Amino acid sequence: MKVCFPTETLQGLNSKVYGHFGSAPGFVIVDTGEMSVEEINNSDLHHAHGMCQPVKALGGLKVDAVVVGGIGMGALMKLQAQGIQVYRGAEGTVQQHIDLIRDGKLSQFSKENTCAGHAGGGCSH
């Protein structure tokens, strides 16, 4: 399975999972079968608030799942429409989250958990 982790810096498995999908500077993509790692910059970093294009952000790369601390409703719906599972991450590294996935300890995002904006504290993470 190819799992994408939005990250602030690109440090492979030691990268810390970022709090928001759309504003993450980069992504670490891990093939959990081979434990291979690919790092890319966010191709949609400077989008208008609420206008995130997840497939563009990933540079068109195909992934099976995304693990992130927070995500907007639009981005969540776009990823799910592509058949991509979106899991709620917490603080920690990519490797720690890989372990949580393997142990079945990460829950999937639902629309009730999405970020509604930050002015009123609308994020649930």
Protein backbone atom coordinates (compact mmCIF):
# COMPACT_ATOMS: atom_id res chain seq x y z
CA MET A 1 0.00 0.00 0.00
CA LYS A 2 1.26 3.48 -0.86
CA VAL A 3 0.65 5.88 2.02
CA CYS A 4 1.13 9.64 1.74
CA PHE A 5 2.16 11.75 4.73
CA PRO A 6 2.00 15.56 4.52
CA THR A 7 5.15 16.81 6.25
CA GLU A 8 6.83 20.09 7.15
CA THR A 9 10.28 18.84 6.16
CA LEU A 10 11.44 15.97 3.99
CA GLN A 11 13.40 13.62 6.24
CA GLY A 12 12.15 10.23 5.10
CA LEU A 13 10.70 8.03 7.82
CA ASN A 14 11.87 10.56 10.44
CA SER A 15 9.70 13.35 8.97
CA LYS A 16 7.04 14.70 11.32
CA VAL A 17 3.45 14.40 10.14
CA TYR A 18 2.06 17.87 9.40
CA GLY A 19 -1.15 19.26 10.85
CA HIS A 20 -2.86 20.17 7.56
CA PHE A 21 -2.92 18.54 4.13
CA GLY A 22 -3.19 21.56 1.84
CA SER A 23 -0.58 23.74 3.53
CA ALA A 24 2.04 21.02 4.00
CA PRO A 25 5.30 22.00 2.27
CA GLY A 26 5.95 18.43 1.18
CA PHE A 27 4.84 14.82 1.18
CA VAL A 28 6.57 11.58 2.12
CA ILE A 29 5.11 8.60 0.29
CA VAL A 30 5.85 5.16 1.70
CA ASP A 31 5.23 1.86 -0.05
CA THR A 32 4.52 -0.24 3.04
CA GLY A 33 5.13 -3.52 1.19
CA GLU A 34 8.65 -2.62 0.08
CA MET A 35 9.26 0.08 2.72
CA SER A 36 10.49 2.36 -0.05
CA VAL A 37 10.25 6.12 0.48
CA GLU A 38 9.61 8.91 -2.03
CA GLU A 39 9.64 12.61 -1.17
CA ILE A 40 7.94 15.36 -3.17
CA ASN A 41 7.14 19.04 -2.75
CA ASN A 42 3.51 20.18 -2.55
CA SER A 43 2.59 21.18 -6.12
CA ASP A 44 -0.50 23.09 -4.92
CA LEU A 45 0.99 24.83 -1.86
CA HIS A 46 -0.18 28.35 -2.69
CA HIS A 47 -3.85 27.60 -3.39
CA ALA A 48 -6.64 29.85 -2.10
CA HIS A 49 -8.13 28.76 1.24
CA GLY A 50 -10.73 26.07 0.63
CA MET A 51 -9.54 25.42 -2.93
CA CYS A 52 -7.04 22.61 -2.33
CA GLN A 53 -6.53 20.27 -5.29
CA PRO A 54 -5.13 17.10 -3.66
CA VAL A 55 -4.25 15.31 -6.90
CA LYS A 56 -2.38 18.41 -8.09
CA ALA A 57 -0.67 18.73 -4.69
CA LEU A 58 0.63 15.17 -5.10
CA GLY A 59 1.93 15.92 -8.58
CA GLY A 60 -0.41 13.31 -10.02
CA LEU A 61 1.20 10.46 -8.05
CA LYS A 62 -1.14 7.62 -7.13
CA VAL A 63 -1.51 6.74 -3.45
CA ASP A 64 -3.83 4.40 -1.55
CA ALA A 65 -4.03 6.37 1.69
CA VAL A 66 -3.19 9.69 3.32
CA VAL A 67 -2.35 10.22 7.01
CA VAL A 68 -2.71 13.80 8.27
CA GLY A 69 -3.61 15.74 11.41
CA GLY A 70 -6.19 17.94 9.69
CA ILE A 71 -7.89 18.33 6.34
CA GLY A 72 -10.68 20.44 4.86
CA MET A 73 -13.97 18.98 3.70
CA GLY A 74 -13.26 19.67 0.02
CA ALA A 75 -9.88 17.97 0.05
CA LEU A 76 -11.28 15.01 2.00
CA MET A 77 -14.12 14.54 -0.49
CA LYS A 78 -11.77 14.83 -3.48
CA LEU A 79 -9.39 12.23 -2.06
CA GLN A 80 -12.21 9.84 -1.14
CA ALA A 81 -13.71 10.24 -4.64
CA GLN A 82 -10.39 8.91 -5.98
CA GLY A 83 -10.66 5.87 -3.68
CA ILE A 84 -7.99 7.19 -1.31
CA GLN A 85 -8.47 6.42 2.38
CA VAL A 86 -7.74 9.35 4.71
CA TYR A 87 -6.59 8.59 8.25
CA ARG A 88 -6.36 10.93 11.23
CA GLY A 89 -2.77 11.27 12.28
CA ALA A 90 -1.40 12.81 15.41
CA GLU A 91 1.94 14.22 16.40
CA GLY A 92 4.80 11.97 15.54
CA THR A 93 6.95 10.72 12.72
CA VAL A 94 6.08 8.94 9.52
CA GLN A 95 7.58 5.72 10.96
CA GLN A 96 5.43 5.97 14.10
CA HIS A 97 2.33 6.35 11.93
CA ILE A 98 3.35 3.39 9.71
CA ASP A 99 3.45 1.31 12.90
CA LEU A 100 -0.01 2.60 13.92
CA ILE A 101 -1.42 1.66 10.50
CA ARG A 102 0.04 -1.84 10.73
CA ASP A 103 -1.48 -2.24 14.20
CA GLY A 104 -4.88 -0.97 13.01
CA LYS A 105 -4.77 1.97 15.46
CA LEU A 106 -5.58 4.88 13.12
CA SER A 107 -9.15 5.92 12.46
CA GLN A 108 -10.37 7.25 9.15
CA PHE A 109 -11.43 10.87 8.76
CA SER A 110 -15.12 11.59 8.53
CA LYS A 111 -16.66 14.85 7.36
CA GLU A 112 -17.40 15.70 11.02
CA ASN A 113 -13.64 15.78 11.71
CA THR A 114 -12.66 18.14 8.91
CA CYS A 115 -11.29 21.65 9.31
CA ALA A 116 -13.95 24.30 8.85
CA GLY A 117 -11.51 27.20 9.06
CA HIS A 118 -9.20 28.57 11.66
CA ALA A 119 -10.67 31.97 12.53
CA GLY A 120 -13.24 30.39 14.82
CA GLY A 121 -11.18 27.37 15.81
CA GLY A 122 -13.08 25.07 13.45
CA CYS A 123 -10.50 22.30 13.34
CA SER A 124 -11.08 19.18 15.41
CA HIS A 125 -7.42 18.17 15.74
